[in-house]
Full PDB file with SEQRES, HELIX, SHEET, SSBOND, CRYST1, ORIGX, SCALE, CONECT and MASTER records, all heavy atoms in Angstrom:
SEQRES   1 A   43  ASN SER GLN ALA SER GLU PRO LEU PRO SER ILE ALA ASP          
SEQRES   2 A   43  VAL VAL ALA LEU VAL LYS PRO SER VAL VAL ALA ILE ASN          
SEQRES   3 A   43  THR THR VAL THR VAL SER SER PRO PHE LEU GLY PRO ALA          
SEQRES   4 A   43  THR GLU GLU GLY                                              
HELIX    1 AA1 ILE A   11  VAL A   18  1                                   8    
HELIX    2 AA2 LYS A   19  SER A   21  5                                   3    
SHEET    1 AA1 2 THR A  28  SER A  33  0                                        
SHEET    2 AA1 2 GLY A  37  GLU A  42 -1                                        
CRYST1    1.000    1.000    1.000  90.00  90.00  90.00 P 1           1          
ORIGX1      1.000000  0.000000  0.000000        0.00000                         
ORIGX2      0.000000  1.000000  0.000000        0.00000                         
ORIGX3      0.000000  0.000000  1.000000        0.00000                         
SCALE1      1.000000  0.000000  0.000000        0.00000                         
SCALE2      0.000000  1.000000  0.000000        0.00000                         
SCALE3      0.000000  0.000000  1.000000        0.00000                         
ATOM      1  N   ASN A   1      74.515 161.950-170.336  1.00  0.00           N  
ATOM      2  CA  ASN A   1      74.197 163.370-170.365  1.00  0.00           C  
ATOM      3  C   ASN A   1      73.836 163.825-168.963  1.00  0.00           C  
ATOM      4  O   ASN A   1      72.880 163.344-168.369  1.00  0.00           O  
ATOM      5  CB  ASN A   1      73.031 163.618-171.335  1.00  0.00           C  
ATOM      6  CG  ASN A   1      72.831 165.112-171.613  1.00  0.00           C  
ATOM      7  OD1 ASN A   1      73.656 165.933-171.232  1.00  0.00           O  
ATOM      8  ND2 ASN A   1      71.737 165.437-172.278  1.00  0.00           N  
ATOM      9  N   SER A   2      74.630 164.719-168.411  1.00  0.00           N  
ATOM     10  CA  SER A   2      74.413 165.155-167.031  1.00  0.00           C  
ATOM     11  C   SER A   2      73.343 166.225-166.901  1.00  0.00           C  
ATOM     12  O   SER A   2      72.897 166.538-165.801  1.00  0.00           O  
ATOM     13  CB  SER A   2      75.731 165.679-166.441  1.00  0.00           C  
ATOM     14  OG  SER A   2      76.219 166.774-167.208  1.00  0.00           O  
ATOM     15  N   GLN A   3      72.923 166.812-168.015  1.00  0.00           N  
ATOM     16  CA  GLN A   3      71.900 167.844-167.969  1.00  0.00           C  
ATOM     17  C   GLN A   3      70.754 167.485-168.915  1.00  0.00           C  
ATOM     18  O   GLN A   3      70.968 166.848-169.941  1.00  0.00           O  
ATOM     19  CB  GLN A   3      72.475 169.204-168.373  1.00  0.00           C  
ATOM     20  CG  GLN A   3      73.558 169.706-167.410  1.00  0.00           C  
ATOM     21  CD  GLN A   3      74.085 171.068-167.816  1.00  0.00           C  
ATOM     22  OE1 GLN A   3      73.817 171.543-168.920  1.00  0.00           O  
ATOM     23  NE2 GLN A   3      74.833 171.697-166.929  1.00  0.00           N  
ATOM     24  N   ALA A   4      69.564 167.894-168.559  1.00  0.00           N  
ATOM     25  CA  ALA A   4      68.394 167.595-169.375  1.00  0.00           C  
ATOM     26  C   ALA A   4      68.496 168.297-170.726  1.00  0.00           C  
ATOM     27  O   ALA A   4      68.771 169.494-170.794  1.00  0.00           O  
ATOM     28  CB  ALA A   4      67.113 168.022-168.666  1.00  0.00           C  
ATOM     29  N   SER A   5      68.295 167.539-171.818  1.00  0.00           N  
ATOM     30  CA  SER A   5      68.345 168.112-173.162  1.00  0.00           C  
ATOM     31  C   SER A   5      66.979 168.640-173.553  1.00  0.00           C  
ATOM     32  O   SER A   5      65.947 168.186-173.059  1.00  0.00           O  
ATOM     33  CB  SER A   5      68.792 167.044-174.174  1.00  0.00           C  
ATOM     34  OG  SER A   5      70.077 166.563-173.864  1.00  0.00           O  
ATOM     35  N   GLU A   6      66.986 169.610-174.463  1.00  0.00           N  
ATOM     36  CA  GLU A   6      65.728 170.178-174.931  1.00  0.00           C  
ATOM     37  C   GLU A   6      65.012 169.195-175.848  1.00  0.00           C  
ATOM     38  O   GLU A   6      65.650 168.555-176.695  1.00  0.00           O  
ATOM     39  CB  GLU A   6      65.988 171.483-175.686  1.00  0.00           C  
ATOM     40  CG  GLU A   6      66.430 172.640-174.811  1.00  0.00           C  
ATOM     41  CD  GLU A   6      65.357 173.051-173.815  1.00  0.00           C  
ATOM     42  OE1 GLU A   6      64.163 173.035-174.193  1.00  0.00           O  
ATOM     43  OE2 GLU A   6      65.710 173.365-172.673  1.00  0.00           O  
ATOM     44  N   PRO A   7      63.702 169.060-175.710  1.00  0.00           N  
ATOM     45  CA  PRO A   7      62.940 168.176-176.612  1.00  0.00           C  
ATOM     46  C   PRO A   7      63.047 168.649-178.053  1.00  0.00           C  
ATOM     47  O   PRO A   7      63.140 169.844-178.324  1.00  0.00           O  
ATOM     48  CB  PRO A   7      61.503 168.297-176.100  1.00  0.00           C  
ATOM     49  CG  PRO A   7      61.624 168.805-174.700  1.00  0.00           C  
ATOM     50  CD  PRO A   7      62.846 169.674-174.684  1.00  0.00           C  
ATOM     51  N   LEU A   8      63.038 167.667-178.975  1.00  0.00           N  
ATOM     52  CA  LEU A   8      63.052 168.008-180.392  1.00  0.00           C  
ATOM     53  C   LEU A   8      61.660 168.444-180.833  1.00  0.00           C  
ATOM     54  O   LEU A   8      60.654 168.119-180.178  1.00  0.00           O  
ATOM     55  CB  LEU A   8      63.535 166.803-181.200  1.00  0.00           C  
ATOM     56  CG  LEU A   8      65.004 166.414-180.929  1.00  0.00           C  
ATOM     57  CD1 LEU A   8      65.337 165.100-181.596  1.00  0.00           C  
ATOM     58  CD2 LEU A   8      65.934 167.508-181.402  1.00  0.00           C  
ATOM     59  N   PRO A   9      61.552 169.176-181.959  1.00  0.00           N  
ATOM     60  CA  PRO A   9      60.258 169.742-182.365  1.00  0.00           C  
ATOM     61  C   PRO A   9      59.154 168.731-182.601  1.00  0.00           C  
ATOM     62  O   PRO A   9      57.986 169.020-182.348  1.00  0.00           O  
ATOM     63  CB  PRO A   9      60.601 170.485-183.672  1.00  0.00           C  
ATOM     64  CG  PRO A   9      62.046 170.802-183.555  1.00  0.00           C  
ATOM     65  CD  PRO A   9      62.649 169.621-182.825  1.00  0.00           C  
ATOM     66  N   SER A  10      59.490 167.520-183.098  1.00  0.00           N  
ATOM     67  CA  SER A  10      58.438 166.548-183.387  1.00  0.00           C  
ATOM     68  C   SER A  10      58.974 165.136-183.240  1.00  0.00           C  
ATOM     69  O   SER A  10      60.187 164.916-183.148  1.00  0.00           O  
ATOM     70  CB  SER A  10      57.893 166.750-184.812  1.00  0.00           C  
ATOM     71  OG  SER A  10      58.835 166.281-185.765  1.00  0.00           O  
ATOM     72  N   ILE A  11      58.053 164.162-183.215  1.00  0.00           N  
ATOM     73  CA  ILE A  11      58.447 162.756-183.155  1.00  0.00           C  
ATOM     74  C   ILE A  11      59.317 162.393-184.359  1.00  0.00           C  
ATOM     75  O   ILE A  11      60.279 161.623-184.234  1.00  0.00           O  
ATOM     76  CB  ILE A  11      57.199 161.843-183.123  1.00  0.00           C  
ATOM     77  CG1 ILE A  11      56.368 162.100-181.861  1.00  0.00           C  
ATOM     78  CG2 ILE A  11      57.595 160.378-183.220  1.00  0.00           C  
ATOM     79  CD1 ILE A  11      57.048 161.663-180.584  1.00  0.00           C  
ATOM     80  N   ALA A  12      59.008 162.954-185.527  1.00  0.00           N  
ATOM     81  CA  ALA A  12      59.788 162.676-186.740  1.00  0.00           C  
ATOM     82  C   ALA A  12      61.244 163.078-186.558  1.00  0.00           C  
ATOM     83  O   ALA A  12      62.160 162.399-187.041  1.00  0.00           O  
ATOM     84  CB  ALA A  12      59.180 163.392-187.947  1.00  0.00           C  
ATOM     85  N   ASP A  13      61.493 164.176-185.845  1.00  0.00           N  
ATOM     86  CA  ASP A  13      62.863 164.612-185.595  1.00  0.00           C  
ATOM     87  C   ASP A  13      63.571 163.642-184.655  1.00  0.00           C  
ATOM     88  O   ASP A  13      64.769 163.379-184.811  1.00  0.00           O  
ATOM     89  CB  ASP A  13      62.866 166.024-184.999  1.00  0.00           C  
ATOM     90  CG  ASP A  13      62.363 167.069-185.982  1.00  0.00           C  
ATOM     91  OD1 ASP A  13      62.844 167.080-187.125  1.00  0.00           O  
ATOM     92  OD2 ASP A  13      61.481 167.859-185.607  1.00  0.00           O  
ATOM     93  N   VAL A  14      62.848 163.104-183.687  1.00  0.00           N  
ATOM     94  CA  VAL A  14      63.420 162.119-182.767  1.00  0.00           C  
ATOM     95  C   VAL A  14      63.827 160.873-183.548  1.00  0.00           C  
ATOM     96  O   VAL A  14      64.946 160.364-183.397  1.00  0.00           O  
ATOM     97  CB  VAL A  14      62.416 161.751-181.664  1.00  0.00           C  
ATOM     98  CG1 VAL A  14      62.976 160.640-180.780  1.00  0.00           C  
ATOM     99  CG2 VAL A  14      62.073 162.976-180.823  1.00  0.00           C  
ATOM    100  N   VAL A  15      62.934 160.387-184.393  1.00  0.00           N  
ATOM    101  CA  VAL A  15      63.212 159.188-185.175  1.00  0.00           C  
ATOM    102  C   VAL A  15      64.392 159.415-186.114  1.00  0.00           C  
ATOM    103  O   VAL A  15      65.285 158.562-186.249  1.00  0.00           O  
ATOM    104  CB  VAL A  15      61.965 158.745-185.974  1.00  0.00           C  
ATOM    105  CG1 VAL A  15      62.302 157.564-186.880  1.00  0.00           C  
ATOM    106  CG2 VAL A  15      60.834 158.382-185.020  1.00  0.00           C  
ATOM    107  N   ALA A  16      64.437 160.584-186.759  1.00  0.00           N  
ATOM    108  CA  ALA A  16      65.524 160.895-187.689  1.00  0.00           C  
ATOM    109  C   ALA A  16      66.870 160.916-186.973  1.00  0.00           C  
ATOM    110  O   ALA A  16      67.899 160.526-187.537  1.00  0.00           O  
ATOM    111  CB  ALA A  16      65.265 162.238-188.374  1.00  0.00           C  
ATOM    112  N   LEU A  17      66.871 161.346-185.712  1.00  0.00           N  
ATOM    113  CA  LEU A  17      68.099 161.406-184.933  1.00  0.00           C  
ATOM    114  C   LEU A  17      68.546 160.019-184.465  1.00  0.00           C  
ATOM    115  O   LEU A  17      69.743 159.688-184.510  1.00  0.00           O  
ATOM    116  CB  LEU A  17      67.891 162.313-183.716  1.00  0.00           C  
ATOM    117  CG  LEU A  17      69.066 162.421-182.733  1.00  0.00           C  
ATOM    118  CD1 LEU A  17      70.274 163.079-183.403  1.00  0.00           C  
ATOM    119  CD2 LEU A  17      68.646 163.197-181.487  1.00  0.00           C  
ATOM    120  N   VAL A  18      67.600 159.195-184.042  1.00  0.00           N  
ATOM    121  CA  VAL A  18      67.926 157.922-183.399  1.00  0.00           C  
ATOM    122  C   VAL A  18      68.090 156.774-184.388  1.00  0.00           C  
ATOM    123  O   VAL A  18      68.971 155.920-184.226  1.00  0.00           O  
ATOM    124  CB  VAL A  18      66.842 157.568-182.359  1.00  0.00           C  
ATOM    125  CG1 VAL A  18      67.082 156.193-181.758  1.00  0.00           C  
ATOM    126  CG2 VAL A  18      66.793 158.633-181.270  1.00  0.00           C  
ATOM    127  N   LYS A  19      67.281 156.725-185.433  1.00  0.00           N  
ATOM    128  CA  LYS A  19      67.229 155.579-186.342  1.00  0.00           C  
ATOM    129  C   LYS A  19      68.587 155.178-186.928  1.00  0.00           C  
ATOM    130  O   LYS A  19      68.873 153.975-187.041  1.00  0.00           O  
ATOM    131  CB  LYS A  19      66.229 155.858-187.467  1.00  0.00           C  
ATOM    132  CG  LYS A  19      65.975 154.666-188.397  1.00  0.00           C  
ATOM    133  CD  LYS A  19      64.816 154.998-189.355  1.00  0.00           C  
ATOM    134  CE  LYS A  19      64.584 153.860-190.350  1.00  0.00           C  
ATOM    135  NZ  LYS A  19      65.647 153.802-191.380  1.00  0.00           N  
ATOM    136  N   PRO A  20      69.488 156.107-187.295  1.00  0.00           N  
ATOM    137  CA  PRO A  20      70.788 155.689-187.845  1.00  0.00           C  
ATOM    138  C   PRO A  20      71.638 154.869-186.869  1.00  0.00           C  
ATOM    139  O   PRO A  20      72.577 154.193-187.294  1.00  0.00           O  
ATOM    140  CB  PRO A  20      71.476 157.017-188.183  1.00  0.00           C  
ATOM    141  CG  PRO A  20      70.342 157.979-188.401  1.00  0.00           C  
ATOM    142  CD  PRO A  20      69.310 157.575-187.387  1.00  0.00           C  
ATOM    143  N   SER A  21      71.306 154.922-185.587  1.00  0.00           N  
ATOM    144  CA  SER A  21      72.076 154.200-184.576  1.00  0.00           C  
ATOM    145  C   SER A  21      71.446 152.882-184.177  1.00  0.00           C  
ATOM    146  O   SER A  21      72.011 152.161-183.351  1.00  0.00           O  
ATOM    147  CB  SER A  21      72.234 155.083-183.335  1.00  0.00           C  
ATOM    148  OG  SER A  21      72.880 156.299-183.649  1.00  0.00           O  
ATOM    149  N   VAL A  22      70.287 152.548-184.733  1.00  0.00           N  
ATOM    150  CA  VAL A  22      69.589 151.309-184.396  1.00  0.00           C  
ATOM    151  C   VAL A  22      69.916 150.253-185.445  1.00  0.00           C  
ATOM    152  O   VAL A  22      69.919 150.542-186.643  1.00  0.00           O  
ATOM    153  CB  VAL A  22      68.067 151.533-184.307  1.00  0.00           C  
ATOM    154  CG1 VAL A  22      67.348 150.236-183.915  1.00  0.00           C  
ATOM    155  CG2 VAL A  22      67.754 152.636-183.291  1.00  0.00           C  
ATOM    156  N   VAL A  23      70.202 149.037-184.988  1.00  0.00           N  
ATOM    157  CA  VAL A  23      70.600 147.965-185.902  1.00  0.00           C  
ATOM    158  C   VAL A  23      69.623 146.799-185.829  1.00  0.00           C  
ATOM    159  O   VAL A  23      68.928 146.621-184.824  1.00  0.00           O  
ATOM    160  CB  VAL A  23      72.022 147.456-185.586  1.00  0.00           C  
ATOM    161  CG1 VAL A  23      73.022 148.596-185.682  1.00  0.00           C  
ATOM    162  CG2 VAL A  23      72.081 146.782-184.217  1.00  0.00           C  
ATOM    163  N   ALA A  24      69.577 146.028-186.919  1.00  0.00           N  
ATOM    164  CA  ALA A  24      68.814 144.775-186.935  1.00  0.00           C  
ATOM    165  C   ALA A  24      69.791 143.640-186.653  1.00  0.00           C  
ATOM    166  O   ALA A  24      70.893 143.597-187.193  1.00  0.00           O  
ATOM    167  CB  ALA A  24      68.147 144.575-188.292  1.00  0.00           C  
ATOM    168  N   ILE A  25      69.386 142.731-185.777  1.00  0.00           N  
ATOM    169  CA  ILE A  25      70.218 141.590-185.413  1.00  0.00           C  
ATOM    170  C   ILE A  25      69.521 140.316-185.862  1.00  0.00           C  
ATOM    171  O   ILE A  25      68.344 140.094-185.521  1.00  0.00           O  
ATOM    172  CB  ILE A  25      70.469 141.554-183.892  1.00  0.00           C  
ATOM    173  CG1 ILE A  25      71.241 142.806-183.462  1.00  0.00           C  
ATOM    174  CG2 ILE A  25      71.215 140.284-183.492  1.00  0.00           C  
ATOM    175  CD1 ILE A  25      71.421 142.936-181.962  1.00  0.00           C  
ATOM    176  N   ASN A  26      70.234 139.489-186.645  1.00  0.00           N  
ATOM    177  CA  ASN A  26      69.685 138.219-187.110  1.00  0.00           C  
ATOM    178  C   ASN A  26      70.557 137.077-186.610  1.00  0.00           C  
ATOM    179  O   ASN A  26      71.786 137.164-186.641  1.00  0.00           O  
ATOM    180  CB  ASN A  26      69.586 138.185-188.640  1.00  0.00           C  
ATOM    181  CG  ASN A  26      68.575 139.184-189.173  1.00  0.00           C  
ATOM    182  OD1 ASN A  26      68.925 140.325-189.486  1.00  0.00           O  
ATOM    183  ND2 ASN A  26      67.324 138.784-189.264  1.00  0.00           N  
ATOM    184  N   THR A  27      69.923 136.031-186.149  1.00  0.00           N  
ATOM    185  CA  THR A  27      70.655 134.906-185.566  1.00  0.00           C  
ATOM    186  C   THR A  27      70.222 133.594-186.192  1.00  0.00           C  
ATOM    187  O   THR A  27      69.124 133.483-186.750  1.00  0.00           O  
ATOM    188  CB  THR A  27      70.397 134.825-184.049  1.00  0.00           C  
ATOM    189  OG1 THR A  27      69.007 134.559-183.809  1.00  0.00           O  
ATOM    190  CG2 THR A  27      70.786 136.113-183.356  1.00  0.00           C  
ATOM    191  N   THR A  28      71.095 132.591-186.072  1.00  0.00           N  
ATOM    192  CA  THR A  28      70.734 131.231-186.459  1.00  0.00           C  
ATOM    193  C   THR A  28      71.079 130.309-185.303  1.00  0.00           C  
ATOM    194  O   THR A  28      72.073 130.518-184.598  1.00  0.00           O  
ATOM    195  CB  THR A  28      71.492 130.753-187.720  1.00  0.00           C  
ATOM    196  OG1 THR A  28      72.899 130.762-187.461  1.00  0.00           O  
ATOM    197  CG2 THR A  28      71.175 131.640-188.904  1.00  0.00           C  
ATOM    198  N   VAL A  29      70.240 129.312-185.115  1.00  0.00           N  
ATOM    199  CA  VAL A  29      70.461 128.332-184.066  1.00  0.00           C  
ATOM    200  C   VAL A  29      69.977 126.975-184.551  1.00  0.00           C  
ATOM    201  O   VAL A  29      68.978 126.888-185.282  1.00  0.00           O  
ATOM    202  CB  VAL A  29      69.728 128.740-182.760  1.00  0.00           C  
ATOM    203  CG1 VAL A  29      68.236 128.862-182.982  1.00  0.00           C  
ATOM    204  CG2 VAL A  29      70.044 127.773-181.638  1.00  0.00           C  
ATOM    205  N   THR A  30      70.671 125.924-184.189  1.00  0.00           N  
ATOM    206  CA  THR A  30      70.281 124.567-184.573  1.00  0.00           C  
ATOM    207  C   THR A  30      69.409 123.964-183.484  1.00  0.00           C  
ATOM    208  O   THR A  30      69.774 123.978-182.306  1.00  0.00           O  
ATOM    209  CB  THR A  30      71.507 123.671-184.797  1.00  0.00           C  
ATOM    210  OG1 THR A  30      72.299 124.238-185.848  1.00  0.00           O  
ATOM    211  CG2 THR A  30      71.091 122.261-185.176  1.00  0.00           C  
ATOM    212  N   VAL A  31      68.254 123.454-183.885  1.00  0.00           N  
ATOM    213  CA  VAL A  31      67.347 122.800-182.939  1.00  0.00           C  
ATOM    214  C   VAL A  31      67.126 121.361-183.390  1.00  0.00           C  
ATOM    215  O   VAL A  31      67.267 121.031-184.562  1.00  0.00           O  
ATOM    216  CB  VAL A  31      66.005 123.549-182.846  1.00  0.00           C  
ATOM    217  CG1 VAL A  31      66.203 124.949-182.311  1.00  0.00           C  
ATOM    218  CG2 VAL A  31      65.318 123.601-184.216  1.00  0.00           C  
ATOM    219  N   SER A  32      66.779 120.523-182.440  1.00  0.00           N  
ATOM    220  CA  SER A  32      66.552 119.108-182.751  1.00  0.00           C  
ATOM    221  C   SER A  32      65.089 118.749-182.562  1.00  0.00           C  
ATOM    222  O   SER A  32      64.447 119.198-181.614  1.00  0.00           O  
ATOM    223  CB  SER A  32      67.416 118.226-181.843  1.00  0.00           C  
ATOM    224  OG  SER A  32      68.784 118.426-182.124  1.00  0.00           O  
ATOM    225  N   SER A  33      64.577 117.936-183.493  1.00  0.00           N  
ATOM    226  CA  SER A  33      63.212 117.435-183.412  1.00  0.00           C  
ATOM    227  C   SER A  33      63.261 115.907-183.444  1.00  0.00           C  
ATOM    228  O   SER A  33      64.006 115.324-184.237  1.00  0.00           O  
ATOM    229  CB  SER A  33      62.379 117.954-184.596  1.00  0.00           C  
ATOM    230  OG  SER A  33      61.181 117.215-184.720  1.00  0.00           O  
ATOM    231  N   PRO A  34      62.490 115.242-182.591  1.00  0.00           N  
ATOM    232  CA  PRO A  34      62.503 113.772-182.589  1.00  0.00           C  
ATOM    233  C   PRO A  34      61.993 113.178-183.896  1.00  0.00           C  
ATOM    234  O   PRO A  34      62.246 112.020-184.204  1.00  0.00           O  
ATOM    235  CB  PRO A  34      61.574 113.425-181.423  1.00  0.00           C  
ATOM    236  CG  PRO A  34      60.743 114.640-181.210  1.00  0.00           C  
ATOM    237  CD  PRO A  34      61.600 115.796-181.580  1.00  0.00           C  
ATOM    238  N   PHE A  35      61.273 113.979-184.707  1.00  0.00           N  
ATOM    239  CA  PHE A  35      60.703 113.486-185.958  1.00  0.00           C  
ATOM    240  C   PHE A  35      61.490 113.963-187.178  1.00  0.00           C  
ATOM    241  O   PHE A  35      61.668 113.223-188.145  1.00  0.00           O  
ATOM    242  CB  PHE A  35      59.241 113.919-186.093  1.00  0.00           C  
ATOM    243  CG  PHE A  35      58.385 113.502-184.934  1.00  0.00           C  
ATOM    244  CD1 PHE A  35      57.991 114.425-183.978  1.00  0.00           C  
ATOM    245  CD2 PHE A  35      57.984 112.169-184.786  1.00  0.00           C  
ATOM    246  CE1 PHE A  35      57.211 114.038-182.912  1.00  0.00           C  
ATOM    247  CE2 PHE A  35      57.208 111.783-183.714  1.00  0.00           C  
ATOM    248  CZ  PHE A  35      56.821 112.714-182.771  1.00  0.00           C  
ATOM    249  N   LEU A  36      61.973 115.222-187.145  1.00  0.00           N  
ATOM    250  CA  LEU A  36      62.640 115.811-188.308  1.00  0.00           C  
ATOM    251  C   LEU A  36      64.156 115.881-188.152  1.00  0.00           C  
ATOM    252  O   LEU A  36      64.862 116.165-189.102  1.00  0.00           O  
ATOM    253  CB  LEU A  36      62.092 117.222-188.558  1.00  0.00           C  
ATOM    254  CG  LEU A  36      60.580 117.313-188.810  1.00  0.00           C  
ATOM    255  CD1 LEU A  36      60.164 118.775-188.959  1.00  0.00           C  
ATOM    256  CD2 LEU A  36      60.187 116.504-190.047  1.00  0.00           C  
ATOM    257  N   GLY A  37      64.649 115.621-186.965  1.00  0.00           N  
ATOM    258  CA  GLY A  37      66.081 115.716-186.724  1.00  0.00           C  
ATOM    259  C   GLY A  37      66.535 117.155-186.582  1.00  0.00           C  
ATOM    260  O   GLY A  37      65.740 118.054-186.338  1.00  0.00           O  
ATOM    261  N   PRO A  38      67.849 117.404-186.731  1.00  0.00           N  
ATOM    262  CA  PRO A  38      68.355 118.760-186.575  1.00  0.00           C  
ATOM    263  C   PRO A  38      67.826 119.704-187.663  1.00  0.00           C  
ATOM    264  O   PRO A  38      67.708 119.309-188.821  1.00  0.00           O  
ATOM    265  CB  PRO A  38      69.870 118.612-186.659  1.00  0.00           C  
ATOM    266  CG  PRO A  38      70.153 117.189-186.955  1.00  0.00           C  
ATOM    267  CD  PRO A  38      68.869 116.439-187.036  1.00  0.00           C  
ATOM    268  N   ALA A  39      67.534 120.923-187.272  1.00  0.00           N  
ATOM    269  CA  ALA A  39      67.068 121.950-188.209  1.00  0.00           C  
ATOM    270  C   ALA A  39      67.608 123.297-187.757  1.00  0.00           C  
ATOM    271  O   ALA A  39      67.895 123.511-186.584  1.00  0.00           O  
ATOM    272  CB  ALA A  39      65.538 121.974-188.268  1.00  0.00           C  
ATOM    273  N   THR A  40      67.750 124.200-188.721  1.00  0.00           N  
ATOM    274  CA  THR A  40      68.250 125.537-188.415  1.00  0.00           C  
ATOM    275  C   THR A  40      67.091 126.522-188.324  1.00  0.00           C  
ATOM    276  O   THR A  40      66.252 126.594-189.227  1.00  0.00           O  
ATOM    277  CB  THR A  40      69.241 126.018-189.498  1.00  0.00           C  
ATOM    278  OG1 THR A  40      70.353 125.126-189.538  1.00  0.00           O  
ATOM    279  CG2 THR A  40      69.732 127.414-189.196  1.00  0.00           C  
ATOM    280  N   GLU A  41      67.049 127.239-187.223  1.00  0.00           N  
ATOM    281  CA  GLU A  41      66.028 128.270-187.032  1.00  0.00           C  
ATOM    282  C   GLU A  41      66.685 129.641-187.068  1.00  0.00           C  
ATOM    283  O   GLU A  41      67.827 129.806-186.630  1.00  0.00           O  
ATOM    284  CB  GLU A  41      65.303 128.079-185.698  1.00  0.00           C  
ATOM    285  CG  GLU A  41      64.332 126.924-185.686  1.00  0.00           C  
ATOM    286  CD  GLU A  41      63.491 126.899-184.417  1.00  0.00           C  
ATOM    287  OE1 GLU A  41      63.763 127.727-183.507  1.00  0.00           O  
ATOM    288  OE2 GLU A  41      62.579 126.058-184.328  1.00  0.00           O  
ATOM    289  N   GLU A  42      65.935 130.614-187.586  1.00  0.00           N  
ATOM    290  CA  GLU A  42      66.433 131.982-187.637  1.00  0.00           C  
ATOM    291  C   GLU A  42      65.651 132.854-186.664  1.00  0.00           C  
ATOM    292  O   GLU A  42      64.468 132.633-186.428  1.00  0.00           O  
ATOM    293  CB  GLU A  42      66.316 132.552-189.053  1.00  0.00           C  
ATOM    294  CG  GLU A  42      67.166 131.798-190.078  1.00  0.00           C  
ATOM    295  CD  GLU A  42      67.064 132.393-191.468  1.00  0.00           C  
ATOM    296  OE1 GLU A  42      66.143 133.213-191.694  1.00  0.00           O  
ATOM    297  OE2 GLU A  42      67.896 132.042-192.317  1.00  0.00           O  
ATOM    298  N   GLY A  43      66.334 133.807-186.096  1.00  0.00           N  
ATOM    299  CA  GLY A  43      65.703 134.738-185.186  1.00  0.00           C  
ATOM    300  C   GLY A  43      66.062 136.164-185.539  1.00  0.00           C  
ATOM    301  O   GLY A  43      67.052 136.420-186.236  1.00  0.00           O  
TER     302      GLY A  43                                                      
MASTER        0    0    0    2    2    0    0    6  301    1    0    4          
END                                                                             
């Protein structure tokens, strides 16, 4: 945006505008333990 946009009326309006574009990311990774061996961790 090359020009400054007008502020929205409230924080709730900002959240309502932005939230549909925000995503949750979940990952899995294998880790090794000298006692338990390989295990899967989630992030």
